């Protein structure tokens, strides 16, 4: 699944999912979309069980997952 789909399961943003992958908190497969062009041409694929595993990890710091911050 894409980072956007994984973010819906986890309860965060797609950018946060990509950060979790780069920081090795979330396992994913890096797929090169065009190997003939050098540079940053890839995407991530996250397994559903991996997204659910991270969702079920107890969060010890930060704002609770899946909740919106209220505007005051």
PDB file of N, CA and C in Angstrom:
ATOM      1  N   UNK A   1       0.837  -1.170   0.000  1.00  0.00           N
ATOM      2  CA  UNK A   1       0.000   0.000   0.000  1.00  0.00           C
ATOM      3  C   UNK A   1       0.884   1.235   0.000  1.00  0.00           C
ATOM      4  N   UNK A   2       0.322   2.348  -0.378  1.00  0.00           N
ATOM      5  CA  UNK A   2       1.068   3.605  -0.460  1.00  0.00           C
ATOM      6  C   UNK A   2       1.185   4.241   0.928  1.00  0.00           C
ATOM      7  N   UNK A   3       2.098   5.204   1.096  1.00  0.00           N
ATOM      8  CA  UNK A   3       2.171   5.923   2.370  1.00  0.00           C
ATOM      9  C   UNK A   3       0.852   6.605   2.746  1.00  0.00           C
ATOM     10  N   UNK A   4       0.097   7.072   1.773  1.00  0.00           N
ATOM     11  CA  UNK A   4      -1.195   7.704   2.059  1.00  0.00           C
ATOM     12  C   UNK A   4      -2.167   6.697   2.674  1.00  0.00           C
ATOM     13  N   UNK A   5      -2.222   5.496   2.126  1.00  0.00           N
ATOM     14  CA  UNK A   5      -3.105   4.467   2.665  1.00  0.00           C
ATOM     15  C   UNK A   5      -2.638   4.018   4.048  1.00  0.00           C
ATOM     16  N   UNK A   6      -1.335   3.893   4.234  1.00  0.00           N
ATOM     17  CA  UNK A   6      -0.792   3.518   5.546  1.00  0.00           C
ATOM     18  C   UNK A   6      -1.089   4.602   6.575  1.00  0.00           C
ATOM     19  N   UNK A   7      -1.040   5.864   6.163  1.00  0.00           N
ATOM     20  CA  UNK A   7      -1.325   6.973   7.076  1.00  0.00           C
ATOM     21  C   UNK A   7      -2.765   6.921   7.573  1.00  0.00           C
ATOM     22  N   UNK A   8      -3.692   6.514   6.726  1.00  0.00           N
ATOM     23  CA  UNK A   8      -5.085   6.394   7.147  1.00  0.00           C
ATOM     24  C   UNK A   8      -5.240   5.313   8.212  1.00  0.00           C
ATOM     25  N   UNK A   9      -4.509   4.223   8.085  1.00  0.00           N
ATOM     26  CA  UNK A   9      -4.569   3.137   9.067  1.00  0.00           C
ATOM     27  C   UNK A   9      -3.935   3.569  10.385  1.00  0.00           C
ATOM     28  N   UNK A  10      -2.762   4.206  10.294  1.00  0.00           N
ATOM     29  CA  UNK A  10      -2.015   4.593  11.493  1.00  0.00           C
ATOM     30  C   UNK A  10      -2.667   5.777  12.194  1.00  0.00           C
ATOM     31  N   UNK A  11      -3.179   6.726  11.417  1.00  0.00           N
ATOM     32  CA  UNK A  11      -3.782   7.926  11.982  1.00  0.00           C
ATOM     33  C   UNK A  11      -2.806   9.085  12.001  1.00  0.00           C
ATOM     34  N   UNK A  12      -2.045   9.239  10.928  1.00  0.00           N
ATOM     35  CA  UNK A  12      -1.095  10.343  10.817  1.00  0.00           C
ATOM     36  C   UNK A  12      -1.080  10.821   9.366  1.00  0.00           C
ATOM     37  N   UNK A  13      -0.100  11.646   9.013  1.00  0.00           N
ATOM     38  CA  UNK A  13      -0.007  12.164   7.651  1.00  0.00           C
ATOM     39  C   UNK A  13       0.908  11.280   6.800  1.00  0.00           C
ATOM     40  N   UNK A  14       0.766  11.332   5.463  1.00  0.00           N
ATOM     41  CA  UNK A  14       1.667  10.574   4.598  1.00  0.00           C
ATOM     42  C   UNK A  14       3.133  10.989   4.775  1.00  0.00           C
ATOM     43  N   UNK A  15       3.379  12.270   5.026  1.00  0.00           N
ATOM     44  CA  UNK A  15       4.750  12.728   5.271  1.00  0.00           C
ATOM     45  C   UNK A  15       5.341  12.098   6.522  1.00  0.00           C
ATOM     46  N   UNK A  16       4.518  11.937   7.542  1.00  0.00           N
ATOM     47  CA  UNK A  16       4.976  11.283   8.767  1.00  0.00           C
ATOM     48  C   UNK A  16       5.296   9.816   8.503  1.00  0.00           C
ATOM     49  N   UNK A  17       4.508   9.160   7.656  1.00  0.00           N
ATOM     50  CA  UNK A  17       4.785   7.764   7.304  1.00  0.00           C
ATOM     51  C   UNK A  17       6.126   7.666   6.598  1.00  0.00           C
ATOM     52  N   UNK A  18       6.395   8.580   5.660  1.00  0.00           N
ATOM     53  CA  UNK A  18       7.683   8.554   4.963  1.00  0.00           C
ATOM     54  C   UNK A  18       8.835   8.797   5.942  1.00  0.00           C
ATOM     55  N   UNK A  19       8.636   9.688   6.919  1.00  0.00           N
ATOM     56  CA  UNK A  19       9.662   9.928   7.939  1.00  0.00           C
ATOM     57  C   UNK A  19       9.882   8.674   8.780  1.00  0.00           C
ATOM     58  N   UNK A  20       8.800   7.975   9.145  1.00  0.00           N
ATOM     59  CA  UNK A  20       8.908   6.737   9.925  1.00  0.00           C
ATOM     60  C   UNK A  20       9.680   5.671   9.148  1.00  0.00           C
ATOM     61  N   UNK A  21       9.479   5.615   7.842  1.00  0.00           N
ATOM     62  CA  UNK A  21      10.195   4.648   7.004  1.00  0.00           C
ATOM     63  C   UNK A  21      11.684   4.994   6.970  1.00  0.00           C
ATOM     64  N   UNK A  22      12.007   6.262   6.713  1.00  0.00           N
ATOM     65  CA  UNK A  22      13.416   6.665   6.656  1.00  0.00           C
ATOM     66  C   UNK A  22      14.118   6.495   7.994  1.00  0.00           C
ATOM     67  N   UNK A  23      13.372   6.649   9.098  1.00  0.00           N
ATOM     68  CA  UNK A  23      13.942   6.529  10.438  1.00  0.00           C
ATOM     69  C   UNK A  23      13.928   5.086  10.946  1.00  0.00           C
ATOM     70  N   UNK A  24      13.454   4.160  10.124  1.00  0.00           N
ATOM     71  CA  UNK A  24      13.439   2.729  10.417  1.00  0.00           C
ATOM     72  C   UNK A  24      12.483   2.337  11.540  1.00  0.00           C
ATOM     73  N   UNK A  25      11.450   3.146  11.781  1.00  0.00           N
ATOM     74  CA  UNK A  25      10.396   2.766  12.720  1.00  0.00           C
ATOM     75  C   UNK A  25       9.334   1.920  12.025  1.00  0.00           C
ATOM     76  N   UNK A  26       9.258   2.051  10.707  1.00  0.00           N
ATOM     77  CA  UNK A  26       8.262   1.361   9.900  1.00  0.00           C
ATOM     78  C   UNK A  26       8.995   0.719   8.723  1.00  0.00           C
ATOM     79  N   UNK A  27       8.766  -0.579   8.527  1.00  0.00           N
ATOM     80  CA  UNK A  27       9.431  -1.281   7.428  1.00  0.00           C
ATOM     81  C   UNK A  27       8.634  -1.114   6.143  1.00  0.00           C
ATOM     82  N   UNK A  28       9.342  -0.869   5.054  1.00  0.00           N
ATOM     83  CA  UNK A  28       8.700  -0.707   3.750  1.00  0.00           C
ATOM     84  C   UNK A  28       9.680  -1.122   2.663  1.00  0.00           C
ATOM     85  N   UNK A  29       9.151  -1.350   1.491  1.00  0.00           N
ATOM     86  CA  UNK A  29       9.961  -1.677   0.329  1.00  0.00           C
ATOM     87  C   UNK A  29      10.093  -0.431  -0.530  1.00  0.00           C
ATOM     88  N   UNK A  30      11.318  -0.143  -0.945  1.00  0.00           N
ATOM     89  CA  UNK A  30      11.571   1.001  -1.814  1.00  0.00           C
ATOM     90  C   UNK A  30      11.573   0.496  -3.253  1.00  0.00           C
ATOM     91  N   UNK A  31      10.669   1.014  -4.065  1.00  0.00           N
ATOM     92  CA  UNK A  31      10.522   0.558  -5.440  1.00  0.00           C
ATOM     93  C   UNK A  31      10.983   1.664  -6.377  1.00  0.00           C
ATOM     94  N   UNK A  32      11.961   1.352  -7.221  1.00  0.00           N
ATOM     95  CA  UNK A  32      12.441   2.310  -8.215  1.00  0.00           C
ATOM     96  C   UNK A  32      11.466   2.315  -9.382  1.00  0.00           C
ATOM     97  N   UNK A  33      10.990   3.494  -9.753  1.00  0.00           N
ATOM     98  CA  UNK A  33       9.995   3.571 -10.821  1.00  0.00           C
ATOM     99  C   UNK A  33      10.628   3.677 -12.199  1.00  0.00           C
ATOM    100  N   UNK A  34      11.818   4.291 -12.303  1.00  0.00           N
ATOM    101  CA  UNK A  34      12.495   4.391 -13.591  1.00  0.00           C
ATOM    102  C   UNK A  34      13.996   4.227 -13.356  1.00  0.00           C
ATOM    103  N   UNK A  35      14.519   3.009 -13.486  1.00  0.00           N
ATOM    104  CA  UNK A  35      15.929   2.770 -13.177  1.00  0.00           C
ATOM    105  C   UNK A  35      16.904   3.415 -14.165  1.00  0.00           C
ATOM    106  N   UNK A  36      16.440   3.871 -15.316  1.00  0.00           N
ATOM    107  CA  UNK A  36      17.342   4.456 -16.303  1.00  0.00           C
ATOM    108  C   UNK A  36      17.695   5.901 -15.963  1.00  0.00           C
ATOM    109  N   UNK A  37      16.863   6.557 -15.181  1.00  0.00           N
ATOM    110  CA  UNK A  37      17.110   7.947 -14.810  1.00  0.00           C
ATOM    111  C   UNK A  37      17.686   7.973 -13.408  1.00  0.00           C
ATOM    112  N   UNK A  38      18.834   8.609 -13.247  1.00  0.00           N
ATOM    113  CA  UNK A  38      19.409   8.705 -11.910  1.00  0.00           C
ATOM    114  C   UNK A  38      18.699   9.796 -11.132  1.00  0.00           C
ATOM    115  N   UNK A  39      18.691   9.648  -9.836  1.00  0.00           N
ATOM    116  CA  UNK A  39      18.044  10.655  -9.000  1.00  0.00           C
ATOM    117  C   UNK A  39      17.026  10.035  -8.075  1.00  0.00           C
ATOM    118  N   UNK A  40      16.082  10.791  -7.719  1.00  0.00           N
ATOM    119  CA  UNK A  40      15.130  10.458  -6.670  1.00  0.00           C
ATOM    120  C   UNK A  40      13.818   9.979  -7.272  1.00  0.00           C
ATOM    121  N   UNK A  41      13.838   8.922  -8.039  1.00  0.00           N
ATOM    122  CA  UNK A  41      12.647   8.443  -8.729  1.00  0.00           C
ATOM    123  C   UNK A  41      12.235   7.096  -8.134  1.00  0.00           C
ATOM    124  N   UNK A  42      11.600   7.124  -6.957  1.00  0.00           N
ATOM    125  CA  UNK A  42      11.195   5.904  -6.287  1.00  0.00           C
ATOM    126  C   UNK A  42       9.911   6.154  -5.499  1.00  0.00           C
ATOM    127  N   UNK A  43       9.338   5.052  -4.999  1.00  0.00           N
ATOM    128  CA  UNK A  43       8.170   5.147  -4.124  1.00  0.00           C
ATOM    129  C   UNK A  43       8.294   4.051  -3.078  1.00  0.00           C
ATOM    130  N   UNK A  44       7.524   4.194  -2.013  1.00  0.00           N
ATOM    131  CA  UNK A  44       7.540   3.212  -0.942  1.00  0.00           C
ATOM    132  C   UNK A  44       6.278   2.365  -1.001  1.00  0.00           C
ATOM    133  N   UNK A  45       6.417   1.108  -0.597  1.00  0.00           N
ATOM    134  CA  UNK A  45       5.290   0.211  -0.461  1.00  0.00           C
ATOM    135  C   UNK A  45       5.315  -0.356   0.954  1.00  0.00           C
ATOM    136  N   UNK A  46       4.240  -0.116   1.695  1.00  0.00           N
ATOM    137  CA  UNK A  46       4.139  -0.555   3.088  1.00  0.00           C
ATOM    138  C   UNK A  46       3.122  -1.688   3.149  1.00  0.00           C
ATOM    139  N   UNK A  47       3.461  -2.749   3.879  1.00  0.00           N
ATOM    140  CA  UNK A  47       2.519  -3.849   4.054  1.00  0.00           C
ATOM    141  C   UNK A  47       1.429  -3.479   5.052  1.00  0.00           C
ATOM    142  N   UNK A  48       0.240  -4.044   4.866  1.00  0.00           N
ATOM    143  CA  UNK A  48      -0.874  -3.725   5.750  1.00  0.00           C
ATOM    144  C   UNK A  48      -0.595  -4.194   7.178  1.00  0.00           C
ATOM    145  N   UNK A  49      -0.010  -5.372   7.332  1.00  0.00           N
ATOM    146  CA  UNK A  49       0.306  -5.868   8.676  1.00  0.00           C
ATOM    147  C   UNK A  49       1.329  -4.978   9.367  1.00  0.00           C
ATOM    148  N   UNK A  50       2.260  -4.423   8.606  1.00  0.00           N
ATOM    149  CA  UNK A  50       3.269  -3.520   9.176  1.00  0.00           C
ATOM    150  C   UNK A  50       2.623  -2.215   9.647  1.00  0.00           C
ATOM    151  N   UNK A  51       1.694  -1.687   8.871  1.00  0.00           N
ATOM    152  CA  UNK A  51       0.990  -0.463   9.269  1.00  0.00           C
ATOM    153  C   UNK A  51       0.144  -0.724  10.514  1.00  0.00           C
ATOM    154  N   UNK A  52      -0.515  -1.852  10.570  1.00  0.00           N
ATOM    155  CA  UNK A  52      -1.317  -2.195  11.738  1.00  0.00           C
ATOM    156  C   UNK A  52      -0.428  -2.440  12.958  1.00  0.00           C
ATOM    157  N   UNK A  53       0.748  -3.033  12.752  1.00  0.00           N
ATOM    158  CA  UNK A  53       1.680  -3.252  13.854  1.00  0.00           C
ATOM    159  C   UNK A  53       2.100  -1.918  14.458  1.00  0.00           C
ATOM    160  N   UNK A  54       2.450  -0.964  13.623  1.00  0.00           N
ATOM    161  CA  UNK A  54       2.868   0.341  14.147  1.00  0.00           C
ATOM    162  C   UNK A  54       1.695   1.078  14.803  1.00  0.00           C
ATOM    163  N   UNK A  55       0.509   0.947  14.236  1.00  0.00           N
ATOM    164  CA  UNK A  55      -0.673   1.584  14.823  1.00  0.00           C
ATOM    165  C   UNK A  55      -0.920   1.085  16.247  1.00  0.00           C
ATOM    166  N   UNK A  56      -0.646  -0.200  16.491  1.00  0.00           N
ATOM    167  CA  UNK A  56      -0.925  -0.801  17.792  1.00  0.00           C
ATOM    168  C   UNK A  56       0.194  -0.597  18.813  1.00  0.00           C
ATOM    169  N   UNK A  57       1.329  -0.029  18.390  1.00  0.00           N
ATOM    170  CA  UNK A  57       2.417   0.267  19.326  1.00  0.00           C
ATOM    171  C   UNK A  57       1.962   1.399  20.244  1.00  0.00           C
ATOM    172  N   UNK A  58       2.206   1.232  21.546  1.00  0.00           N
ATOM    173  CA  UNK A  58       1.799   2.251  22.514  1.00  0.00           C
ATOM    174  C   UNK A  58       2.664   3.492  22.331  1.00  0.00           C
ATOM    175  N   UNK A  59       2.007   4.617  22.176  1.00  0.00           N
ATOM    176  CA  UNK A  59       2.701   5.889  21.973  1.00  0.00           C
ATOM    177  C   UNK A  59       3.069   6.478  23.326  1.00  0.00           C
ATOM    178  N   UNK A  60       4.352   6.844  23.513  1.00  0.00           N
ATOM    179  CA  UNK A  60       4.810   7.359  24.803  1.00  0.00           C
ATOM    180  C   UNK A  60       4.998   8.865  24.808  1.00  0.00           C
ATOM    181  N   UNK A  61       5.116   9.491  23.632  1.00  0.00           N
ATOM    182  CA  UNK A  61       5.333  10.939  23.564  1.00  0.00           C
ATOM    183  C   UNK A  61       4.506  11.529  22.435  1.00  0.00           C
ATOM    184  N   UNK A  62       4.388  12.851  22.460  1.00  0.00           N
ATOM    185  CA  UNK A  62       3.756  13.577  21.364  1.00  0.00           C
ATOM    186  C   UNK A  62       2.247  13.634  21.460  1.00  0.00           C
ATOM    187  N   UNK A  63       1.647  14.256  20.461  1.00  0.00           N
ATOM    188  CA  UNK A  63       0.194  14.405  20.381  1.00  0.00           C
ATOM    189  C   UNK A  63      -0.415  13.062  19.991  1.00  0.00           C
ATOM    190  N   UNK A  64      -1.538  12.662  20.590  1.00  0.00           N
ATOM    191  CA  UNK A  64      -2.150  11.366  20.287  1.00  0.00           C
ATOM    192  C   UNK A  64      -2.466  11.195  18.797  1.00  0.00           C
ATOM    193  N   UNK A  65      -2.203  10.010  18.290  1.00  0.00           N
ATOM    194  CA  UNK A  65      -2.468   9.720  16.885  1.00  0.00           C
ATOM    195  C   UNK A  65      -3.955   9.773  16.582  1.00  0.00           C
ATOM    196  N   UNK A  66      -4.270  10.256  15.399  1.00  0.00           N
ATOM    197  CA  UNK A  66      -5.638  10.242  14.907  1.00  0.00           C
ATOM    198  C   UNK A  66      -6.529  11.340  15.468  1.00  0.00           C
ATOM    199  N   UNK A  67      -6.009  12.199  16.311  1.00  0.00           N
ATOM    200  CA  UNK A  67      -6.824  13.280  16.868  1.00  0.00           C
ATOM    201  C   UNK A  67      -6.435  14.602  16.232  1.00  0.00           C
ATOM    202  N   UNK A  68      -7.421  15.438  15.986  1.00  0.00           N
ATOM    203  CA  UNK A  68      -7.178  16.759  15.426  1.00  0.00           C
ATOM    204  C   UNK A  68      -6.906  17.736  16.563  1.00  0.00           C
ATOM    205  N   UNK A  69      -6.035  18.684  16.312  1.00  0.00           N
ATOM    206  CA  UNK A  69      -5.794  19.731  17.295  1.00  0.00           C
ATOM    207  C   UNK A  69      -6.902  20.765  17.163  1.00  0.00           C
ATOM    208  N   UNK A  70      -7.427  21.197  18.296  1.00  0.00           N
ATOM    209  CA  UNK A  70      -8.512  22.181  18.260  1.00  0.00           C
ATOM    210  C   UNK A  70      -7.934  23.589  18.125  1.00  0.00           C
ATOM    211  N   UNK A  71      -8.629  24.430  17.363  1.00  0.00           N
ATOM    212  CA  UNK A  71      -8.193  25.819  17.189  1.00  0.00           C
ATOM    213  C   UNK A  71      -8.823  26.653  18.293  1.00  0.00           C
ATOM    214  N   UNK A  72      -8.017  27.482  18.920  1.00  0.00           N
ATOM    215  CA  UNK A  72      -8.533  28.341  19.992  1.00  0.00           C
ATOM    216  C   UNK A  72      -8.417  29.787  19.602  1.00  0.00           C
TER     217      UNK A  72
END
